[in-house]
Amino acid sequence: MNFFDGYAQIVGNAYPDLRIKTNPNSANARPEASRTIYSDTRASGFRGYPFLLKDNKAASIRVSYHCWDSSAPSAGVKLMLDGWAAHPAKAVPILQPALADKRLYIRSAGRSLAMVADTVRLDNKRSASVQQRAIEQALKKLQLIRDTWNGMETTLVKAATVVGR
């Protein structure tokens, strides 16, 4: 069984409240260097907030596990708010205090502003079963991100107001 199938099996067995997206590539093929696994935000229980805007429409959120992220200080799980990367100076001082006691932090991620929990790096060329403990620790952090995000409505309203979104 390849790493990604093993990862999906661990999620389904140990964390059935979290759902991963099916592989978007044709014929369910993944490039060998693929290191990102996306979650189905709605099926995993992440709230959408229609007042968080991008281009006058509700900004999308994406949730992922970057098993190995060369553009970040470490591997991690994160929730990304699309279109908000240009606003860290205004948004982070409002958002970060709500995360401080949870070992989560905010950083830019491409076009997005991300809520991040660092994890250990996974090797997608090795079996997921031999990395199960690390995977499960990351999935617990993903649940923490979800529960924190779902409880941040008041803070997010304030951030949206200050950012002008």
Protein backbone atom coordinates (compact mmCIF):
# COMPACT_ATOMS: atom_id res chain seq x y z
CA MET A 1 0.00 0.00 0.00
CA ASN A 2 1.41 3.41 -0.92
CA PHE A 3 1.87 6.20 1.63
CA PHE A 4 -1.24 8.17 0.63
CA ASP A 5 -3.55 5.14 0.74
CA GLY A 6 -2.11 4.26 4.15
CA TYR A 7 -2.63 7.83 5.34
CA ALA A 8 -6.28 7.70 4.20
CA GLN A 9 -6.74 4.42 6.05
CA ILE A 10 -5.33 5.88 9.28
CA VAL A 11 -7.61 8.91 8.99
CA GLY A 12 -10.68 6.75 8.33
CA ASN A 13 -9.97 4.39 11.22
CA ALA A 14 -8.64 6.75 13.90
CA TYR A 15 -10.21 10.12 13.00
CA PRO A 16 -13.48 9.50 11.16
CA ASP A 17 -14.58 13.11 11.81
CA LEU A 18 -11.84 14.27 9.43
CA ARG A 19 -12.24 13.65 5.71
CA ILE A 20 -9.53 13.93 3.13
CA LYS A 21 -10.19 15.01 -0.43
CA THR A 22 -9.83 12.44 -3.10
CA ASN A 23 -6.77 12.83 -5.26
CA PRO A 24 -7.52 15.51 -7.87
CA ASN A 25 -5.05 14.16 -10.41
CA SER A 26 -6.20 12.06 -13.33
CA ALA A 27 -6.44 8.30 -12.81
CA ASN A 28 -5.88 8.96 -9.09
CA ALA A 29 -2.15 9.29 -9.83
CA ARG A 30 0.09 11.42 -7.63
CA PRO A 31 3.42 12.93 -8.62
CA GLU A 32 6.26 11.28 -6.76
CA ALA A 33 7.17 14.58 -5.11
CA SER A 34 3.61 15.22 -3.87
CA ARG A 35 3.76 16.10 -0.19
CA THR A 36 0.41 17.77 0.44
CA ILE A 37 -2.84 16.15 1.51
CA TYR A 38 -5.99 18.28 1.44
CA SER A 39 -8.96 17.89 3.74
CA ASP A 40 -12.57 18.27 2.73
CA THR A 41 -13.33 21.32 4.88
CA ARG A 42 -17.11 21.04 4.88
CA ALA A 43 -17.21 17.27 5.51
CA SER A 44 -14.58 17.71 8.25
CA GLY A 45 -16.72 20.27 10.07
CA PHE A 46 -14.84 23.50 9.37
CA ARG A 47 -17.21 26.47 9.52
CA GLY A 48 -17.48 28.88 6.65
CA TYR A 49 -17.76 32.55 7.58
CA PRO A 50 -19.51 34.55 4.83
CA PHE A 51 -18.25 37.86 6.26
CA LEU A 52 -14.62 36.93 5.46
CA LEU A 53 -14.31 38.30 1.97
CA LYS A 54 -12.08 38.08 -1.06
CA ASP A 55 -13.08 40.21 -4.04
CA ASN A 56 -16.48 40.93 -2.45
CA LYS A 57 -17.31 37.21 -2.19
CA ALA A 58 -16.90 34.79 0.68
CA ALA A 59 -13.24 33.82 0.87
CA SER A 60 -12.60 30.11 0.54
CA ILE A 61 -10.72 28.13 3.13
CA ARG A 62 -8.45 25.21 2.41
CA VAL A 63 -7.10 22.78 4.98
CA SER A 64 -4.02 20.73 4.34
CA TYR A 65 -1.28 18.61 5.79
CA HIS A 66 2.08 19.54 4.31
CA CYS A 67 4.11 16.45 5.09
CA TRP A 68 7.23 18.29 4.01
CA ASP A 69 7.06 21.99 3.19
CA SER A 70 10.25 23.44 1.74
CA SER A 71 8.83 26.98 1.91
CA ALA A 72 8.04 26.79 5.66
CA PRO A 73 10.11 26.36 8.80
CA SER A 74 8.66 22.89 9.37
CA ALA A 75 6.03 20.48 8.15
CA GLY A 76 2.56 21.29 9.39
CA VAL A 77 -1.18 21.24 9.22
CA LYS A 78 -2.88 24.47 8.31
CA LEU A 79 -6.09 26.25 7.49
CA MET A 80 -5.62 28.82 4.72
CA LEU A 81 -7.92 31.81 4.24
CA ASP A 82 -7.66 32.67 0.55
CA GLY A 83 -6.85 36.24 -0.44
CA TRP A 84 -5.74 37.39 3.00
CA ALA A 85 -1.94 37.10 2.63
CA ALA A 86 -1.65 40.84 2.01
CA HIS A 87 -3.01 41.65 5.47
CA PRO A 88 -0.78 40.08 8.12
CA ALA A 89 0.20 43.43 9.68
CA LYS A 90 -3.46 44.16 10.45
CA ALA A 91 -4.85 40.67 10.98
CA VAL A 92 -2.15 38.90 13.01
CA PRO A 93 -2.34 41.20 16.07
CA ILE A 94 -6.08 40.46 16.26
CA LEU A 95 -5.94 36.73 15.49
CA GLN A 96 -2.77 35.58 17.27
CA PRO A 97 -3.95 36.23 20.86
CA ALA A 98 -6.81 33.76 20.29
CA LEU A 99 -4.22 31.10 19.41
CA ALA A 100 -1.45 31.80 21.92
CA ASP A 101 -2.26 29.08 24.45
CA LYS A 102 -2.85 26.46 21.76
CA ARG A 103 0.57 26.31 20.07
CA LEU A 104 -0.93 27.59 16.84
CA TYR A 105 0.26 30.60 14.89
CA ILE A 106 -0.61 32.75 11.89
CA ARG A 107 1.62 33.19 8.83
CA SER A 108 1.31 33.97 5.14
CA ALA A 109 1.04 30.98 2.81
CA GLY A 110 1.00 31.97 -0.84
CA ARG A 111 -2.12 34.12 -1.39
CA SER A 112 -3.54 33.01 1.94
CA LEU A 113 -3.22 33.79 5.59
CA ALA A 114 -2.78 30.49 7.42
CA MET A 115 -3.48 29.18 10.90
CA VAL A 116 -0.68 26.65 11.42
CA ALA A 117 0.39 23.88 13.77
CA ASP A 118 3.89 22.54 13.23
CA THR A 119 4.31 18.78 12.88
CA VAL A 120 7.14 16.36 12.31
CA ARG A 121 8.08 15.78 8.72
CA LEU A 122 6.68 12.67 7.04
CA ASP A 123 8.37 10.69 4.31
CA ASN A 124 5.90 9.89 1.54
CA LYS A 125 8.25 7.22 0.20
CA ARG A 126 7.87 5.19 3.41
CA SER A 127 4.81 3.34 4.62
CA ALA A 128 2.25 5.42 6.51
CA SER A 129 1.87 2.59 9.04
CA VAL A 130 5.44 3.03 10.30
CA GLN A 131 4.70 6.76 10.69
CA GLN A 132 1.26 6.29 12.24
CA ARG A 133 2.11 7.95 15.57
CA ALA A 134 3.34 11.11 13.83
CA ILE A 135 0.29 11.10 11.54
CA GLU A 136 -2.08 10.76 14.48
CA GLN A 137 -0.35 13.60 16.35
CA ALA A 138 -0.79 15.81 13.29
CA LEU A 139 -4.45 14.83 12.98
CA LYS A 140 -5.02 15.84 16.61
CA LYS A 141 -3.53 19.21 15.73
CA LEU A 142 -5.84 19.43 12.74
CA GLN A 143 -8.81 18.83 15.06
CA LEU A 144 -7.46 21.62 17.31
CA ILE A 145 -7.27 23.97 14.33
CA ARG A 146 -10.85 23.08 13.38
CA ASP A 147 -12.20 23.56 16.89
CA THR A 148 -10.31 26.82 17.33
CA TRP A 149 -11.44 28.16 13.94
CA ASN A 150 -15.04 27.20 14.63
CA GLY A 151 -14.94 29.14 17.91
CA MET A 152 -13.34 32.33 16.55
CA GLU A 153 -16.33 34.08 15.00
CA THR A 154 -16.09 37.21 17.20
CA THR A 155 -12.34 37.51 16.63
CA LEU A 156 -12.75 36.95 12.89
CA VAL A 157 -15.47 39.63 12.66
CA LYS A 158 -13.06 42.07 14.31
CA ALA A 159 -10.24 41.08 11.92
CA ALA A 160 -12.53 41.46 8.90
CA THR A 161 -13.57 44.91 10.08
CA VAL A 162 -10.00 46.10 10.65
CA VAL A 163 -8.75 44.62 7.36
CA GLY A 164 -11.71 46.13 5.50
CA ARG A 165 -12.95 42.82 4.13
